[in-house]
Each structure stands twice: as structure tokens, then as C-alpha cells.
Amino acid sequence: MTVVRIPTQLRPLAGGAAEVTVEGRTVADVLAALETAHPGFAGRLHDEQGKLRRFVNVFVADEDIRFLDGVMTPVGPESTVSIVPAVAGG
């Protein structure tokens, strides 16, 4: 099972959990399984075209998926996927 780290703002969707486990072979699979297990994530993470929103960063083992294979980045059973909302400010 893949561990998904949930940011504070989204924890209410996961019953308050900071981490959940789901199955999947790619980041896309993991995010789909997350939505199935905890409805509401897809609307917060994806835009109307189904792509990750600009301000949502996803990491697999501390590597930004934008520099890997995007949502097609493979994950293993011992992988950790972190959802990190972008922080803006001045």
C-alpha cells in the first residue's frame, strides 16, 4: 500500500488523518484511489479538465512529479506520496 501524506487543509476530507494508505501503480492511480476512499479530493486537486491544479504539488519520495513522469510517475508498495499545496506570499 502507498502512504499518502495529507496537508492540513485537506485533512477533514480524510476524517482528520495526516496520512492514509491506498493502492495504486502510478500517482494517477493513487489519487483516484484516494478519491474513492475519501470523496472530495478530486475536486480540490484537479481542475475541470482533470489535470492537477497549478497550486497543487505532488511528491513521490521527496521528488516533485513535475520533474518525473507527472501523474504517470510509478509508485511502489513502499512509496510515500505527499500532497503539498503551493504557498504564496511576500
N, C-alpha and C. Protein backbone atom coordinates (compact mmCIF):
# COMPACT_ATOMS: atom_id res chain seq x y z
N MET A 1 0.85 -1.18 0.00
CA MET A 1 0.00 0.00 0.00
C MET A 1 0.89 1.24 0.00
N THR A 2 0.43 2.26 -0.64
CA THR A 2 1.15 3.52 -0.72
C THR A 2 0.63 4.46 0.36
N VAL A 3 1.52 5.10 1.06
CA VAL A 3 1.15 6.09 2.07
C VAL A 3 0.97 7.43 1.36
N VAL A 4 -0.14 8.10 1.65
CA VAL A 4 -0.39 9.43 1.11
C VAL A 4 -0.41 10.40 2.28
N ARG A 5 0.47 11.39 2.24
CA ARG A 5 0.50 12.42 3.27
C ARG A 5 -0.47 13.53 2.86
N ILE A 6 -1.36 13.85 3.79
CA ILE A 6 -2.43 14.81 3.54
C ILE A 6 -2.10 16.14 4.21
N PRO A 7 -2.16 17.26 3.45
CA PRO A 7 -1.91 18.56 4.08
C PRO A 7 -3.04 18.94 5.03
N THR A 8 -2.72 19.78 5.96
CA THR A 8 -3.68 20.18 7.00
C THR A 8 -5.01 20.63 6.42
N GLN A 9 -4.98 21.43 5.35
CA GLN A 9 -6.22 21.97 4.77
C GLN A 9 -7.15 20.90 4.23
N LEU A 10 -6.60 19.75 3.86
CA LEU A 10 -7.42 18.70 3.26
C LEU A 10 -7.74 17.55 4.22
N ARG A 11 -7.21 17.62 5.40
CA ARG A 11 -7.42 16.52 6.36
C ARG A 11 -8.89 16.26 6.71
N PRO A 12 -9.75 17.29 6.74
CA PRO A 12 -11.16 16.98 7.01
C PRO A 12 -11.75 16.00 6.01
N LEU A 13 -11.26 16.00 4.77
CA LEU A 13 -11.75 15.05 3.77
C LEU A 13 -11.34 13.62 4.09
N ALA A 14 -10.26 13.47 4.86
CA ALA A 14 -9.75 12.14 5.24
C ALA A 14 -10.07 11.83 6.69
N GLY A 15 -11.11 12.42 7.21
CA GLY A 15 -11.51 12.16 8.60
C GLY A 15 -10.50 12.68 9.60
N GLY A 16 -9.71 13.68 9.21
CA GLY A 16 -8.73 14.28 10.10
C GLY A 16 -7.36 13.62 10.06
N ALA A 17 -7.21 12.57 9.25
CA ALA A 17 -5.94 11.83 9.20
C ALA A 17 -4.86 12.62 8.47
N ALA A 18 -3.64 12.55 8.99
CA ALA A 18 -2.49 13.18 8.36
C ALA A 18 -1.93 12.28 7.26
N GLU A 19 -2.18 10.99 7.36
CA GLU A 19 -1.74 10.02 6.37
C GLU A 19 -2.82 8.96 6.18
N VAL A 20 -2.95 8.51 4.94
CA VAL A 20 -3.84 7.40 4.63
C VAL A 20 -3.08 6.45 3.71
N THR A 21 -3.54 5.24 3.60
CA THR A 21 -2.91 4.30 2.68
C THR A 21 -3.92 3.87 1.62
N VAL A 22 -3.44 3.81 0.39
CA VAL A 22 -4.26 3.38 -0.74
C VAL A 22 -3.37 2.55 -1.67
N GLU A 23 -3.99 1.88 -2.62
CA GLU A 23 -3.23 1.11 -3.60
C GLU A 23 -3.20 1.84 -4.92
N GLY A 24 -2.13 1.62 -5.65
CA GLY A 24 -2.00 2.19 -6.98
C GLY A 24 -0.62 1.96 -7.53
N ARG A 25 -0.52 1.91 -8.85
CA ARG A 25 0.77 1.69 -9.50
C ARG A 25 1.38 2.99 -9.99
N THR A 26 0.55 4.03 -10.15
CA THR A 26 1.03 5.35 -10.57
C THR A 26 0.42 6.40 -9.65
N VAL A 27 0.93 7.62 -9.74
CA VAL A 27 0.34 8.71 -8.96
C VAL A 27 -1.12 8.89 -9.34
N ALA A 28 -1.44 8.77 -10.62
CA ALA A 28 -2.85 8.90 -11.05
C ALA A 28 -3.72 7.85 -10.37
N ASP A 29 -3.23 6.61 -10.30
CA ASP A 29 -3.98 5.53 -9.62
C ASP A 29 -4.16 5.85 -8.14
N VAL A 30 -3.10 6.34 -7.51
CA VAL A 30 -3.14 6.65 -6.08
C VAL A 30 -4.15 7.76 -5.82
N LEU A 31 -4.15 8.80 -6.65
CA LEU A 31 -5.09 9.91 -6.45
C LEU A 31 -6.53 9.45 -6.71
N ALA A 32 -6.72 8.57 -7.68
CA ALA A 32 -8.07 8.03 -7.93
C ALA A 32 -8.53 7.18 -6.75
N ALA A 33 -7.63 6.37 -6.20
CA ALA A 33 -7.97 5.54 -5.04
C ALA A 33 -8.25 6.41 -3.82
N LEU A 34 -7.53 7.52 -3.70
CA LEU A 34 -7.76 8.46 -2.61
C LEU A 34 -9.17 9.04 -2.70
N GLU A 35 -9.57 9.40 -3.91
CA GLU A 35 -10.92 9.93 -4.13
C GLU A 35 -11.98 8.89 -3.81
N THR A 36 -11.73 7.64 -4.20
CA THR A 36 -12.68 6.56 -3.93
C THR A 36 -12.83 6.34 -2.42
N ALA A 37 -11.71 6.32 -1.73
CA ALA A 37 -11.73 6.06 -0.28
C ALA A 37 -12.23 7.26 0.51
N HIS A 38 -11.96 8.46 0.01
CA HIS A 38 -12.30 9.69 0.73
C HIS A 38 -12.83 10.72 -0.27
N PRO A 39 -14.09 10.62 -0.65
CA PRO A 39 -14.64 11.52 -1.67
C PRO A 39 -14.44 13.00 -1.33
N GLY A 40 -14.13 13.76 -2.37
CA GLY A 40 -13.94 15.20 -2.23
C GLY A 40 -12.56 15.66 -2.63
N PHE A 41 -11.61 14.72 -2.65
CA PHE A 41 -10.25 15.09 -3.01
C PHE A 41 -10.13 15.51 -4.47
N ALA A 42 -10.80 14.81 -5.37
CA ALA A 42 -10.66 15.10 -6.81
C ALA A 42 -11.00 16.56 -7.11
N GLY A 43 -12.08 17.05 -6.54
CA GLY A 43 -12.48 18.44 -6.78
C GLY A 43 -11.49 19.45 -6.25
N ARG A 44 -10.79 19.09 -5.23
CA ARG A 44 -9.79 20.00 -4.64
C ARG A 44 -8.44 19.92 -5.34
N LEU A 45 -8.12 18.75 -5.92
CA LEU A 45 -6.81 18.54 -6.52
C LEU A 45 -6.79 18.74 -8.03
N HIS A 46 -7.93 18.51 -8.70
CA HIS A 46 -7.97 18.55 -10.17
C HIS A 46 -8.84 19.69 -10.67
N ASP A 47 -8.49 20.21 -11.85
CA ASP A 47 -9.30 21.25 -12.48
C ASP A 47 -10.42 20.60 -13.30
N GLU A 48 -11.14 21.41 -14.06
CA GLU A 48 -12.28 20.92 -14.83
C GLU A 48 -11.88 19.94 -15.92
N GLN A 49 -10.63 20.01 -16.38
CA GLN A 49 -10.14 19.09 -17.40
C GLN A 49 -9.52 17.82 -16.80
N GLY A 50 -9.53 17.72 -15.49
CA GLY A 50 -8.99 16.54 -14.83
C GLY A 50 -7.49 16.60 -14.57
N LYS A 51 -6.87 17.74 -14.86
CA LYS A 51 -5.44 17.90 -14.61
C LYS A 51 -5.22 18.44 -13.20
N LEU A 52 -4.05 18.13 -12.65
CA LEU A 52 -3.73 18.68 -11.32
C LEU A 52 -3.76 20.20 -11.39
N ARG A 53 -4.33 20.80 -10.38
CA ARG A 53 -4.37 22.26 -10.32
C ARG A 53 -2.94 22.80 -10.19
N ARG A 54 -2.72 24.01 -10.70
CA ARG A 54 -1.40 24.64 -10.68
C ARG A 54 -0.80 24.72 -9.29
N PHE A 55 -1.64 24.98 -8.30
CA PHE A 55 -1.14 25.21 -6.95
C PHE A 55 -1.01 23.93 -6.12
N VAL A 56 -1.24 22.78 -6.75
CA VAL A 56 -1.10 21.51 -6.05
C VAL A 56 0.21 20.86 -6.49
N ASN A 57 1.09 20.62 -5.54
CA ASN A 57 2.35 19.94 -5.80
C ASN A 57 2.25 18.54 -5.23
N VAL A 58 2.74 17.58 -6.00
CA VAL A 58 2.72 16.19 -5.55
C VAL A 58 4.15 15.66 -5.63
N PHE A 59 4.56 14.99 -4.58
CA PHE A 59 5.90 14.43 -4.49
C PHE A 59 5.82 12.94 -4.25
N VAL A 60 6.73 12.20 -4.87
CA VAL A 60 6.91 10.78 -4.59
C VAL A 60 8.32 10.64 -4.05
N ALA A 61 8.41 10.18 -2.82
CA ALA A 61 9.72 10.03 -2.17
C ALA A 61 10.52 11.32 -2.28
N ASP A 62 9.90 12.44 -1.97
CA ASP A 62 10.52 13.77 -1.95
C ASP A 62 10.93 14.28 -3.32
N GLU A 63 10.48 13.65 -4.41
CA GLU A 63 10.75 14.11 -5.77
C GLU A 63 9.47 14.68 -6.36
N ASP A 64 9.53 15.90 -6.85
CA ASP A 64 8.39 16.56 -7.47
C ASP A 64 8.02 15.82 -8.75
N ILE A 65 6.76 15.39 -8.88
CA ILE A 65 6.36 14.62 -10.06
C ILE A 65 6.44 15.43 -11.34
N ARG A 66 6.47 16.76 -11.24
CA ARG A 66 6.60 17.59 -12.45
C ARG A 66 7.94 17.33 -13.13
N PHE A 67 8.93 16.88 -12.38
CA PHE A 67 10.25 16.60 -12.93
C PHE A 67 10.46 15.11 -13.17
N LEU A 68 9.41 14.34 -12.97
CA LEU A 68 9.45 12.90 -13.23
C LEU A 68 8.51 12.63 -14.40
N ASP A 69 7.54 11.76 -14.23
CA ASP A 69 6.58 11.44 -15.30
C ASP A 69 5.19 11.98 -15.01
N GLY A 70 5.12 13.08 -14.24
CA GLY A 70 3.82 13.65 -13.91
C GLY A 70 2.96 12.63 -13.16
N VAL A 71 1.67 12.64 -13.45
CA VAL A 71 0.78 11.71 -12.74
C VAL A 71 1.01 10.26 -13.15
N MET A 72 1.79 10.05 -14.20
CA MET A 72 2.12 8.69 -14.62
C MET A 72 3.38 8.17 -13.91
N THR A 73 3.91 8.95 -12.97
CA THR A 73 5.05 8.51 -12.18
C THR A 73 4.69 7.24 -11.43
N PRO A 74 5.50 6.19 -11.58
CA PRO A 74 5.19 4.95 -10.87
C PRO A 74 5.41 5.07 -9.37
N VAL A 75 4.61 4.33 -8.64
CA VAL A 75 4.78 4.24 -7.19
C VAL A 75 4.82 2.76 -6.82
N GLY A 76 5.59 2.46 -5.80
CA GLY A 76 5.68 1.09 -5.32
C GLY A 76 4.90 0.93 -4.04
N PRO A 77 4.83 -0.29 -3.56
CA PRO A 77 4.06 -0.55 -2.33
C PRO A 77 4.65 0.14 -1.10
N GLU A 78 5.89 0.51 -1.14
CA GLU A 78 6.52 1.19 -0.01
C GLU A 78 6.68 2.69 -0.24
N SER A 79 6.08 3.21 -1.31
CA SER A 79 6.23 4.63 -1.65
C SER A 79 5.41 5.52 -0.73
N THR A 80 5.87 6.76 -0.64
CA THR A 80 5.11 7.80 0.05
C THR A 80 4.82 8.89 -0.96
N VAL A 81 3.55 9.25 -1.07
CA VAL A 81 3.11 10.34 -1.93
C VAL A 81 2.68 11.47 -1.03
N SER A 82 3.25 12.65 -1.26
CA SER A 82 2.91 13.82 -0.45
C SER A 82 2.18 14.84 -1.32
N ILE A 83 1.06 15.30 -0.81
CA ILE A 83 0.31 16.38 -1.48
C ILE A 83 0.67 17.66 -0.73
N VAL A 84 1.22 18.63 -1.48
CA VAL A 84 1.70 19.85 -0.86
C VAL A 84 1.11 21.04 -1.62
N PRO A 85 0.19 21.78 -0.98
CA PRO A 85 -0.34 22.97 -1.67
C PRO A 85 0.75 24.04 -1.74
N ALA A 86 0.75 24.76 -2.85
CA ALA A 86 1.73 25.84 -3.03
C ALA A 86 1.46 26.94 -1.99
N VAL A 87 2.53 27.56 -1.55
CA VAL A 87 2.43 28.65 -0.58
C VAL A 87 2.85 29.93 -1.28
N ALA A 88 2.02 30.93 -1.19
CA ALA A 88 2.33 32.22 -1.80
C ALA A 88 2.41 33.28 -0.69
N GLY A 89 3.10 34.29 -0.99
CA GLY A 89 3.20 35.38 -0.01
C GLY A 89 4.36 36.27 -0.36
N GLY A 90 4.53 37.25 0.47
CA GLY A 90 5.61 38.18 0.15
C GLY A 90 6.38 38.56 1.36
